[in-house]
Amino acid sequence: MKFGISKLSIVPVRFDPNDQSEMTTQLIFGEHYKIIESRNKWSKIEIAHDRYIGWICNNQNQEISEEEYKKLEKEIPTLTTDILDIIEHEYHQPIVIGSVLPTYKSDHALINNKMYKFTGKKTQGFSQKKHLIKNAMVFLNAPYLWGGRTPFGIDCSGFTQMIYRLQGIKIPRDAYQQAEIGTTLGFIDECEEGDLAFFENNEGKIVHVGIIMLDNQIIHASGKVRIDKIDQKGIFNSELKKHTHKLRVIKKII
């Protein structure tokens, strides 16, 4: 078994090992993973924090030792909190919000025994729900991107996963997986801001997720990260003057 870490700001993770395959998620700086299969151009990986599996191009792969991987698994990750920041090694490199600073100490992260200087804002997460909405608002108007996890392109479940991760809470990658955790709430009136609402398609499959706000509002990624009204039927888009997503279940995660 081999292991790796992302030294690039954003790395596409694809469903199949070819450039035309859909991007199902992204690695961002400092995220580590197992390499479960290697080919001439591609590596199949399992991302450590959510066990998501996909393919990355080998020229974007950076191997680390099993010892370093195990060390990172034991750490409480330190994450960046500004939309865009700079990390310094031999050069200045832009990194996005939610980037991981491995083995962070005294303004430096450590990858393969090489130091990366970082003096920006960071967090190891909070347990208070009020910070969820504060972090979610940072992504407001970010464009929708299937498989995206950054303010420059994000999908609905990538959005909820990242917001919870900034709180120090791991949740799965896809909406249907996220719906399998937490405590089920029966009515809108029972929920608090920060709870997750899940929505289904005509076949009854969960295909969308958003974060509950105060005053029967929801912030979610649909076209862009936006705020809409929510009721027992689902999401009501005031611009279109209609319900756009059918409510399936509300879950309390924390």
Protein backbone atom coordinates (compact mmCIF):
# COMPACT_ATOMS: atom_id res chain seq x y z
CA MET A 1 0.00 0.00 0.00
CA LYS A 2 1.26 3.47 -0.94
CA PHE A 3 0.16 6.82 0.47
CA GLY A 4 -0.02 10.40 -0.75
CA ILE A 5 -0.86 14.02 0.02
CA SER A 6 -1.99 16.98 -2.06
CA LYS A 7 0.71 19.63 -2.48
CA LEU A 8 -1.42 21.46 -5.06
CA SER A 9 -4.16 23.93 -4.22
CA ILE A 10 -6.91 21.92 -5.95
CA VAL A 11 -6.73 18.47 -7.57
CA PRO A 12 -9.65 16.96 -9.54
CA VAL A 13 -10.67 13.45 -8.49
CA ARG A 14 -12.40 11.60 -11.33
CA PHE A 15 -14.84 8.68 -11.55
CA ASP A 16 -12.75 6.83 -14.14
CA PRO A 17 -9.02 7.02 -15.01
CA ASN A 18 -9.24 9.38 -18.00
CA ASP A 19 -9.31 13.11 -18.59
CA GLN A 20 -12.84 13.05 -20.01
CA SER A 21 -14.35 11.33 -16.96
CA GLU A 22 -16.57 13.36 -14.64
CA MET A 23 -15.00 15.01 -11.59
CA THR A 24 -16.68 13.53 -8.52
CA THR A 25 -14.78 15.45 -5.85
CA GLN A 26 -11.60 17.45 -5.27
CA LEU A 27 -8.51 17.20 -3.13
CA ILE A 28 -7.35 20.47 -1.67
CA PHE A 29 -3.97 21.37 -0.22
CA GLY A 30 -2.77 19.15 2.61
CA GLU A 31 -5.38 16.39 2.32
CA HIS A 32 -3.86 12.90 2.54
CA TYR A 33 -4.97 9.63 1.02
CA LYS A 34 -4.23 5.95 0.38
CA ILE A 35 -3.17 4.83 -3.10
CA ILE A 36 -5.11 1.63 -3.71
CA GLU A 37 -4.19 1.10 -7.38
CA SER A 38 -1.51 2.54 -9.67
CA ARG A 39 -1.47 2.69 -13.47
CA ASN A 40 0.80 4.36 -16.00
CA LYS A 41 -0.94 7.76 -15.83
CA TRP A 42 -3.49 7.40 -13.04
CA SER A 43 -3.77 6.41 -9.38
CA LYS A 44 -6.91 5.22 -7.63
CA ILE A 45 -7.06 6.78 -4.18
CA GLU A 46 -9.13 6.67 -1.00
CA ILE A 47 -9.28 10.11 0.63
CA ALA A 48 -8.56 9.83 4.34
CA HIS A 49 -11.12 12.21 5.86
CA ASP A 50 -14.23 10.81 4.11
CA ARG A 51 -13.07 7.48 2.59
CA TYR A 52 -14.14 8.71 -0.87
CA ILE A 53 -12.62 6.78 -3.77
CA GLY A 54 -11.62 8.14 -7.18
CA TRP A 55 -8.79 8.62 -9.66
CA ILE A 56 -6.13 11.35 -9.80
CA CYS A 57 -3.49 11.99 -12.46
CA ASN A 58 -0.05 10.73 -11.40
CA ASN A 59 1.62 14.05 -12.19
CA GLN A 60 -0.54 15.56 -9.43
CA ASN A 61 0.30 12.83 -6.91
CA GLN A 62 2.80 13.37 -4.08
CA GLU A 63 3.73 10.23 -2.17
CA ILE A 64 4.37 10.18 1.56
CA SER A 65 5.51 7.37 3.83
CA GLU A 66 3.15 5.08 5.71
CA GLU A 67 4.60 6.53 8.92
CA GLU A 68 3.66 10.06 7.89
CA TYR A 69 0.17 8.93 6.84
CA LYS A 70 -0.44 7.28 10.21
CA LYS A 71 0.83 10.39 11.99
CA LEU A 72 -1.58 12.59 10.03
CA GLU A 73 -4.45 10.22 10.85
CA LYS A 74 -3.89 10.87 14.56
CA GLU A 75 -3.82 14.67 14.23
CA ILE A 76 -6.70 17.06 14.77
CA PRO A 77 -6.35 18.87 11.42
CA THR A 78 -5.63 22.58 11.29
CA LEU A 79 -7.61 24.22 8.45
CA THR A 80 -7.30 27.62 6.77
CA THR A 81 -10.34 29.91 7.05
CA ASP A 82 -9.86 32.72 4.52
CA ILE A 83 -11.38 32.28 1.03
CA LEU A 84 -7.90 32.58 -0.46
CA ASP A 85 -4.52 32.68 1.23
CA ILE A 86 -0.82 32.10 0.59
CA ILE A 87 1.48 29.35 1.81
CA GLU A 88 5.24 29.69 1.28
CA HIS A 89 7.86 27.05 0.52
CA GLU A 90 10.30 27.69 -2.33
CA TYR A 91 7.67 29.98 -3.79
CA HIS A 92 4.33 31.57 -2.91
CA GLN A 93 1.35 29.28 -3.50
CA PRO A 94 -2.33 30.27 -3.30
CA ILE A 95 -4.55 27.95 -1.26
CA VAL A 96 -8.31 27.96 -0.69
CA ILE A 97 -10.42 27.91 2.46
CA GLY A 98 -10.41 24.53 4.18
CA SER A 99 -6.86 23.67 3.14
CA VAL A 100 -5.09 21.44 5.65
CA LEU A 101 -1.86 22.47 7.40
CA PRO A 102 -0.21 19.13 8.26
CA THR A 103 1.69 18.95 11.56
CA TYR A 104 1.20 22.71 12.00
CA LYS A 105 3.40 24.39 14.59
CA SER A 106 5.08 27.79 14.97
CA ASP A 107 3.62 29.17 11.70
CA HIS A 108 4.80 26.17 9.67
CA ALA A 109 3.23 23.05 8.17
CA LEU A 110 5.30 19.96 7.40
CA ILE A 111 5.10 17.72 4.31
CA ASN A 112 7.82 15.12 3.61
CA ASN A 113 10.08 16.87 6.14
CA LYS A 114 9.79 20.14 4.20
CA MET A 115 8.51 23.27 5.91
CA TYR A 116 5.67 25.41 4.52
CA LYS A 117 5.22 28.81 6.15
CA PHE A 118 1.68 29.97 6.85
CA THR A 119 0.70 33.03 8.90
CA GLY A 120 -2.96 33.41 7.91
CA LYS A 121 -6.18 32.59 9.74
CA LYS A 122 -6.78 29.00 10.75
CA THR A 123 -8.94 26.76 12.94
CA GLN A 124 -9.15 23.27 14.38
CA GLY A 125 -12.92 23.54 14.46
CA PHE A 126 -15.60 24.55 16.95
CA SER A 127 -18.52 22.69 18.47
CA GLN A 128 -20.94 25.63 18.41
CA LYS A 129 -23.65 25.57 15.75
CA LYS A 130 -23.62 29.34 15.30
CA HIS A 131 -20.27 29.11 13.53
CA LEU A 132 -21.76 26.88 10.84
CA ILE A 133 -23.83 29.68 9.33
CA LYS A 134 -20.99 32.19 9.68
CA ASN A 135 -18.73 29.90 7.65
CA ALA A 136 -21.51 29.09 5.17
CA MET A 137 -21.95 32.77 4.36
CA VAL A 138 -18.33 32.92 3.20
CA PHE A 139 -19.40 30.71 0.27
CA LEU A 140 -22.46 32.80 -0.68
CA ASN A 141 -22.72 33.22 -4.48
CA ALA A 142 -19.98 30.63 -5.15
CA PRO A 143 -20.83 29.03 -8.52
CA TYR A 144 -22.20 25.50 -8.64
CA LEU A 145 -19.71 22.90 -9.87
CA TRP A 146 -20.36 19.15 -9.86
CA GLY A 147 -17.68 17.59 -7.65
CA GLY A 148 -16.46 20.99 -6.41
CA ARG A 149 -15.44 21.79 -2.84
CA THR A 150 -14.16 25.39 -3.04
CA PRO A 151 -15.59 28.93 -3.27
CA PHE A 152 -14.60 28.91 -6.96
CA GLY A 153 -16.96 26.00 -7.67
CA ILE A 154 -18.88 23.75 -5.29
CA ASP A 155 -21.75 21.26 -5.29
CA CYS A 156 -24.47 20.89 -2.68
CA SER A 157 -22.91 18.10 -0.62
CA GLY A 158 -19.39 19.44 -1.05
CA PHE A 159 -20.72 22.67 0.45
CA THR A 160 -22.28 21.02 3.51
CA GLN A 161 -19.28 18.74 4.01
CA MET A 162 -16.84 21.66 3.92
CA ILE A 163 -18.89 23.81 6.30
CA TYR A 164 -19.07 21.00 8.84
CA ARG A 165 -15.39 20.20 8.38
CA LEU A 166 -14.51 23.79 9.25
CA GLN A 167 -16.26 23.03 12.54
CA GLY A 168 -14.01 20.03 13.07
CA ILE A 169 -16.81 17.59 12.20
CA LYS A 170 -16.39 14.90 9.53
CA ILE A 171 -19.42 13.99 7.45
CA PRO A 172 -19.59 11.88 4.26
CA ARG A 173 -19.13 13.34 0.77
CA ASP A 174 -22.43 12.71 -1.04
CA ALA A 175 -25.92 13.88 -0.03
CA TYR A 176 -27.41 10.39 0.23
CA GLN A 177 -24.51 9.35 2.50
CA GLN A 178 -24.93 12.42 4.70
CA ALA A 179 -28.63 11.61 5.08
CA GLU A 180 -27.70 8.32 6.75
CA ILE A 181 -26.14 10.02 9.80
CA GLY A 182 -27.55 12.21 12.57
CA THR A 183 -30.95 12.35 14.28
CA THR A 184 -34.14 12.61 12.21
CA LEU A 185 -36.45 15.56 12.86
CA GLY A 186 -40.12 15.35 11.94
CA PHE A 187 -40.99 18.98 11.25
CA ILE A 188 -39.43 22.26 10.19
CA ASP A 189 -40.42 23.76 13.54
CA GLU A 190 -38.19 21.26 15.37
CA CYS A 191 -34.99 22.20 13.57
CA GLU A 192 -32.27 24.68 14.49
CA GLU A 193 -29.93 26.67 12.28
CA GLY A 194 -27.11 24.41 11.24
CA ASP A 195 -29.27 21.30 10.79
CA LEU A 196 -29.21 19.62 7.38
CA ALA A 197 -32.26 19.29 5.11
CA PHE A 198 -32.31 16.63 2.38
CA PHE A 199 -34.36 16.58 -0.80
CA GLU A 200 -35.45 13.83 -3.19
CA ASN A 201 -36.15 13.43 -6.89
CA ASN A 202 -39.22 11.85 -8.48
CA GLU A 203 -37.76 8.37 -7.91
CA GLY A 204 -37.39 9.01 -4.18
CA LYS A 205 -33.59 9.22 -4.29
CA ILE A 206 -31.87 11.86 -2.16
CA VAL A 207 -30.18 14.23 -4.59
CA HIS A 208 -29.79 17.53 -2.73
CA VAL A 209 -28.85 18.93 0.69
CA GLY A 210 -28.72 22.34 2.35
CA ILE A 211 -28.14 24.00 5.73
CA ILE A 212 -31.09 25.33 7.74
CA MET A 213 -30.98 29.00 8.78
CA LEU A 214 -33.25 31.09 11.00
CA ASP A 215 -36.66 32.31 9.84
CA ASN A 216 -37.39 29.26 7.68
CA GLN A 217 -34.49 29.90 5.35
CA ILE A 218 -31.92 27.54 3.86
CA ILE A 219 -28.49 28.11 2.33
CA HIS A 220 -27.60 25.62 -0.38
CA ALA A 221 -25.72 25.19 -3.67
CA SER A 222 -28.10 25.25 -6.64
CA GLY A 223 -26.75 27.19 -9.61
CA LYS A 224 -24.78 29.04 -6.97
CA VAL A 225 -24.67 29.07 -3.19
CA ARG A 226 -27.89 30.91 -2.39
CA ILE A 227 -30.46 31.53 0.34
CA ASP A 228 -34.08 30.48 -0.19
CA LYS A 229 -37.19 29.81 1.86
CA ILE A 230 -37.99 26.31 3.12
CA ASP A 231 -41.29 24.78 4.23
CA GLN A 232 -42.71 21.26 4.68
CA LYS A 233 -42.95 20.87 0.91
CA GLY A 234 -39.36 21.85 0.24
CA ILE A 235 -37.33 24.79 -1.07
CA PHE A 236 -39.29 27.75 -2.43
CA ASN A 237 -37.40 29.92 -4.91
CA SER A 238 -38.84 33.44 -4.70
CA GLU A 239 -37.31 34.43 -8.04
CA LEU A 240 -38.97 31.54 -9.87
CA LYS A 241 -42.01 31.69 -7.57
CA LYS A 242 -42.15 27.91 -7.20
CA HIS A 243 -40.83 24.99 -5.18
CA THR A 244 -37.62 23.66 -6.73
CA HIS A 245 -36.68 20.81 -4.37
CA LYS A 246 -38.94 18.29 -2.60
CA LEU A 247 -38.18 17.87 1.12
CA ARG A 248 -37.39 14.30 2.23
CA VAL A 249 -35.91 14.57 5.74
CA ILE A 250 -34.19 16.93 8.17
CA LYS A 251 -31.24 15.69 10.22
CA LYS A 252 -29.58 17.08 13.34
CA ILE A 253 -25.85 16.35 13.12
CA ILE A 254 -24.72 18.31 16.21
